[in-house]
Protein backbone atom coordinates (compact mmCIF):
# COMPACT_ATOMS: atom_id res chain seq x y z
CA UNK A 1 16.22 26.63 -6.88
CA UNK A 2 18.36 26.00 -3.81
CA UNK A 3 17.89 22.89 -1.64
CA UNK A 4 16.55 24.92 1.33
CA UNK A 5 13.94 26.56 -0.91
CA UNK A 6 12.93 23.20 -2.34
CA UNK A 7 12.69 21.66 1.14
CA UNK A 8 10.57 24.58 2.34
CA UNK A 9 8.16 24.23 -0.59
CA UNK A 10 7.97 20.46 -0.08
CA UNK A 11 7.17 21.04 3.58
CA UNK A 12 4.32 23.36 2.66
CA UNK A 13 2.92 20.82 0.19
CA UNK A 14 3.16 17.99 2.70
CA UNK A 15 1.36 20.02 5.38
CA UNK A 16 -1.31 21.00 2.87
CA UNK A 17 -1.94 17.39 1.86
CA UNK A 18 -1.95 16.25 5.48
CA UNK A 19 -4.69 18.80 6.16
CA UNK A 20 -6.64 17.51 3.16
CA UNK A 21 -6.44 13.95 4.50
CA UNK A 22 -7.37 15.12 8.00
CA UNK A 23 -10.41 16.92 6.57
CA UNK A 24 -11.75 13.58 5.29
CA UNK A 25 -10.53 11.09 7.93
CA UNK A 26 -13.12 8.40 7.23
CA UNK A 27 -11.19 6.35 4.64
CA UNK A 28 -7.98 6.38 6.67
CA UNK A 29 -9.71 5.54 9.96
CA UNK A 30 -11.68 2.67 8.42
CA UNK A 31 -8.48 1.14 7.05
CA UNK A 32 -6.95 1.42 10.52
CA UNK A 33 -9.84 0.00 12.56
CA UNK A 34 -11.32 -2.70 10.32
CA UNK A 35 -8.14 -4.83 10.18
CA UNK A 36 -8.08 -5.07 13.96
CA UNK A 37 -11.68 -6.30 14.00
CA UNK A 38 -10.89 -8.72 11.19
CA UNK A 39 -7.94 -10.26 13.05
CA UNK A 40 -9.93 -10.62 16.26
CA UNK A 41 -12.85 -12.37 14.59
CA UNK A 42 -10.96 -14.69 12.23
CA UNK A 43 -7.95 -15.62 14.36
CA UNK A 44 -9.84 -18.43 16.19
CA UNK A 45 -10.59 -20.02 12.81
CA UNK A 46 -6.92 -19.96 11.84
CA UNK A 47 -5.88 -21.28 15.27
CA UNK A 48 -8.22 -24.25 14.92
CA UNK A 49 -6.73 -25.19 11.58
CA UNK A 50 -3.04 -24.33 12.00
CA UNK A 51 -2.20 -24.09 15.69
CA UNK A 52 -1.37 -21.10 17.86
CA UNK A 53 1.82 -19.75 16.26
CA UNK A 54 1.04 -20.48 12.61
CA UNK A 55 -2.58 -19.44 13.04
CA UNK A 56 -1.64 -16.10 14.59
CA UNK A 57 0.89 -15.45 11.82
CA UNK A 58 -1.71 -16.27 9.17
CA UNK A 59 -4.27 -13.97 10.77
CA UNK A 60 -1.85 -11.04 11.01
CA UNK A 61 -0.11 -11.48 7.64
CA UNK A 62 -3.34 -12.14 5.75
CA UNK A 63 -5.10 -9.18 7.32
CA UNK A 64 -2.15 -6.85 6.79
CA UNK A 65 -1.80 -7.64 3.09
CA UNK A 66 -5.53 -7.64 2.38
CA UNK A 67 -6.34 -4.34 4.06
CA UNK A 68 -3.21 -2.58 2.86
CA UNK A 69 -4.25 -3.45 -0.70
CA UNK A 70 -7.71 -2.07 0.04
CA UNK A 71 -5.95 1.08 1.27
CA UNK A 72 -4.85 1.77 -2.32
CA UNK A 73 -7.87 4.04 -2.43
CA UNK A 74 -6.16 6.47 -0.03
CA UNK A 75 -3.36 7.03 -2.52
CA UNK A 76 -5.54 6.91 -5.61
CA UNK A 77 -8.02 9.45 -4.26
CA UNK A 78 -5.20 11.90 -3.46
CA UNK A 79 -4.36 12.04 -7.18
CA UNK A 80 -7.89 11.66 -8.53
CA UNK A 81 -9.19 14.55 -6.43
CA UNK A 82 -6.73 16.87 -8.17
CA UNK A 83 -7.75 15.49 -11.55
CA UNK A 84 -11.48 15.86 -10.97
CA UNK A 85 -11.00 19.33 -9.52
CA UNK A 86 -8.90 20.35 -12.54
CA UNK A 87 -6.25 21.70 -10.18
CA UNK A 88 -3.23 19.65 -11.26
CA UNK A 89 -2.53 21.73 -14.36
CA UNK A 90 -2.83 24.94 -12.34
CA UNK A 91 -0.32 23.59 -9.85
CA UNK A 92 1.99 22.68 -12.72
CA UNK A 93 1.76 26.29 -13.88
CA UNK A 94 3.33 27.52 -10.63
CA UNK A 95 7.02 27.59 -9.73
CA UNK A 96 6.69 24.17 -8.11
CA UNK A 97 8.73 21.39 -9.67
CA UNK A 98 6.73 18.28 -10.76
CA UNK A 99 8.82 16.14 -8.41
CA UNK A 100 7.80 18.40 -5.52
CA UNK A 101 4.13 18.02 -6.42
CA UNK A 102 4.36 14.23 -6.49
CA UNK A 103 6.42 14.09 -3.30
CA UNK A 104 3.99 16.40 -1.53
CA UNK A 105 1.22 13.92 -2.31
CA UNK A 106 3.32 10.83 -1.66
CA UNK A 107 4.78 11.59 1.77
CA UNK A 108 1.48 11.77 3.76
CA UNK A 109 0.03 8.76 1.92
CA UNK A 110 3.19 6.71 2.48
CA UNK A 111 3.06 7.59 6.18
CA UNK A 112 -0.59 6.47 6.36
CA UNK A 113 0.15 3.16 4.60
CA UNK A 114 3.11 2.39 6.84
CA UNK A 115 1.21 3.41 9.98
CA UNK A 116 -1.63 1.05 9.05
CA UNK A 117 0.77 -1.88 8.71
CA UNK A 118 2.64 -1.07 11.91
CA UNK A 119 -0.68 -0.85 13.74
CA UNK A 120 -1.72 -4.31 12.49
CA UNK A 121 1.62 -5.85 13.46
CA UNK A 122 1.64 -4.10 16.82
CA UNK A 123 -1.88 -5.32 17.54
CA UNK A 124 -0.83 -8.86 16.69
CA UNK A 125 2.19 -8.60 18.98
CA UNK A 126 0.53 -7.05 22.01
CA UNK A 127 -2.94 -8.57 21.78
CA UNK A 128 -2.12 -12.11 20.58
CA UNK A 129 1.59 -12.61 21.26
CA UNK A 130 2.82 -12.65 17.66
CA UNK A 131 6.57 -13.35 17.87
CA UNK A 132 8.77 -10.91 15.93
CA UNK A 133 12.34 -12.13 16.46
CA UNK A 134 13.72 -10.19 13.47
CA UNK A 135 12.17 -6.70 13.58
CA UNK A 136 14.56 -5.13 11.08
CA UNK A 137 13.77 -7.74 8.44
CA UNK A 138 10.09 -7.13 9.06
CA UNK A 139 10.53 -3.37 8.80
CA UNK A 140 12.34 -3.80 5.48
CA UNK A 141 9.39 -5.74 4.08
CA UNK A 142 6.86 -3.22 5.39
CA UNK A 143 8.77 -0.32 3.83
CA UNK A 144 9.13 -2.11 0.49
CA UNK A 145 5.45 -3.08 0.50
CA UNK A 146 4.46 0.51 1.33
CA UNK A 147 6.48 1.80 -1.63
CA UNK A 148 4.83 -0.78 -3.90
CA UNK A 149 1.38 0.24 -2.67
CA UNK A 150 2.24 3.89 -3.18
CA UNK A 151 3.25 3.25 -6.78
CA UNK A 152 0.22 1.10 -7.52
CA UNK A 153 -2.15 3.55 -5.87
CA UNK A 154 -0.70 6.49 -7.78
CA UNK A 155 -1.04 4.61 -11.05
CA UNK A 156 -4.62 3.72 -10.20
CA UNK A 157 -5.42 7.35 -9.42
CA UNK A 158 -4.00 8.38 -12.79
CA UNK A 159 -5.81 5.78 -14.88
CA UNK A 160 -9.39 5.82 -13.53
CA UNK A 161 -11.88 8.55 -14.41
CA UNK A 162 -14.22 8.72 -11.40
CA UNK A 163 -14.41 7.99 -7.69
CA UNK A 164 -16.82 5.15 -8.42
CA UNK A 165 -14.34 3.54 -10.78
CA UNK A 166 -11.58 4.01 -8.22
CA UNK A 167 -13.66 2.36 -5.51
CA UNK A 168 -14.46 -0.62 -7.74
CA UNK A 169 -10.83 -0.95 -8.79
CA UNK A 170 -9.34 -1.10 -5.33
CA UNK A 171 -12.15 -3.20 -3.85
CA UNK A 172 -12.09 -5.84 -6.59
CA UNK A 173 -8.39 -5.58 -7.31
CA UNK A 174 -7.41 -5.59 -3.65
CA UNK A 175 -9.41 -8.71 -2.80
CA UNK A 176 -8.28 -10.48 -5.99
CA UNK A 177 -4.58 -9.73 -5.53
CA UNK A 178 -4.61 -10.65 -1.84
CA UNK A 179 -6.57 -13.88 -2.40
CA UNK A 180 -4.45 -15.03 -5.33
CA UNK A 181 -1.34 -14.08 -3.38
CA UNK A 182 -2.20 -16.48 -0.56
CA UNK A 183 -3.01 -13.85 2.05
CA UNK A 184 -6.38 -15.06 3.28
CA UNK A 185 -5.94 -18.77 2.52
CA UNK A 186 -2.59 -20.61 2.23
CA UNK A 187 -1.71 -21.40 -1.37
CA UNK A 188 -1.36 -25.10 -0.46
CA UNK A 189 -5.09 -25.19 0.27
CA UNK A 190 -6.06 -23.54 -3.03
CA UNK A 191 -6.29 -25.09 -6.52
CA UNK A 192 -2.96 -25.76 -8.24
CA UNK A 193 -3.54 -23.13 -10.91
CA UNK A 194 -3.68 -20.43 -8.22
CA UNK A 195 -0.14 -21.30 -7.13
CA UNK A 196 0.98 -21.04 -10.75
CA UNK A 197 -0.32 -17.49 -11.20
CA UNK A 198 0.32 -16.28 -7.64
CA UNK A 199 3.79 -14.77 -8.34
CA UNK A 200 2.13 -12.31 -10.73
CA UNK A 201 0.40 -10.71 -7.73
CA UNK A 202 2.33 -8.16 -5.64
CA UNK A 203 0.38 -9.53 -2.68
CA UNK A 204 2.18 -12.86 -3.11
CA UNK A 205 5.55 -11.20 -2.63
CA UNK A 206 4.30 -9.24 0.36
CA UNK A 207 3.04 -12.45 1.99
CA UNK A 208 6.26 -14.27 1.12
CA UNK A 209 8.39 -11.44 2.48
CA UNK A 210 6.41 -11.16 5.71
CA UNK A 211 6.61 -14.87 6.44
CA UNK A 212 10.30 -14.79 5.58
CA UNK A 213 10.85 -11.90 7.99
CA UNK A 214 9.03 -13.69 10.81
CA UNK A 215 11.12 -16.81 10.19
CA UNK A 216 14.41 -14.94 9.79
CA UNK A 217 14.84 -15.87 6.11
CA UNK A 218 17.16 -13.14 4.89
CA UNK A 219 17.34 -14.41 1.29
CA UNK A 220 13.57 -14.73 1.04
CA UNK A 221 13.15 -11.21 2.40
CA UNK A 222 15.76 -9.81 -0.01
CA UNK A 223 14.06 -11.33 -3.06
CA UNK A 224 10.59 -10.23 -1.94
CA UNK A 225 11.77 -6.68 -1.21
CA UNK A 226 13.51 -6.50 -4.58
CA UNK A 227 10.34 -7.50 -6.43
CA UNK A 228 8.18 -5.08 -4.42
CA UNK A 229 10.57 -2.19 -5.03
CA UNK A 230 10.56 -3.09 -8.72
CA UNK A 231 6.76 -2.89 -8.73
CA UNK A 232 7.01 0.51 -7.04
CA UNK A 233 9.50 1.84 -9.60
CA UNK A 234 7.59 0.60 -12.65
CA UNK A 235 4.21 1.78 -11.38
CA UNK A 236 5.57 5.15 -10.34
CA UNK A 237 7.36 5.64 -13.65
CA UNK A 238 4.25 4.85 -15.69
CA UNK A 239 2.14 7.14 -13.51
CA UNK A 240 4.66 9.97 -13.88
CA UNK A 241 4.66 9.61 -17.66
CA UNK A 242 0.87 9.73 -17.73
CA UNK A 243 0.81 12.80 -15.49
CA UNK A 244 3.32 14.60 -17.72
CA UNK A 245 1.68 13.64 -21.00
CA UNK A 246 0.75 16.22 -23.62
CA UNK A 247 2.99 18.95 -22.39
CA UNK A 248 2.15 18.54 -18.74
CA UNK A 249 -1.62 18.08 -19.13
CA UNK A 250 -3.33 15.01 -17.75
CA UNK A 251 -3.72 12.63 -20.66
CA UNK A 252 -6.25 10.49 -18.81
CA UNK A 253 -8.83 13.27 -18.70
């Protein structure tokens, strides 16, 4: 298959999956709107405890990480819908390469995840004066975090067996990973044992990277991005193996 043919097929898949997401806009819209409400309502609480600059950063960073983890359902449902509809194996039986199938699913979801985060940051900047002196460092963290979310969401969509299980997984998992990672409450204010286990949460590295980007800490950002990209690679690799199991059939079904 020539590169132009592959690109054309990928373009068709991406458009198809964009139309599928547009047909059910509720989950995406809720993950876009709710974070803005959350920041607006909770920012005064953070300001009272931490001051204007630190409180605004806490409100934006905590909201971004928490709601982007809850947005794992967008990615997971894109895979699980194919599984429940028994269409993945039929797609694998076409001339489409498996990498094209995964990329066709991944591109629209990745765009939605990144757009959500950019919207939260933009709202913080224009509505509450969040300072962003190092935008390229911040963009690097947002891209790395989006890749990590994409990998985790894909793995979740491969492992669960129903939409109810998917909903429970990203609701409970998202809140747990963000809380343990220090998104909603600074780790210094939590029990000591939380700080000990926090690095096991991808949310911890997202929070660390975001604060590092706002402060201009290049080394902190580099380490955080490296860990997040590692999470993306491992999660994506495991999900790909599961999707290809048993001669291309979905082993999780």
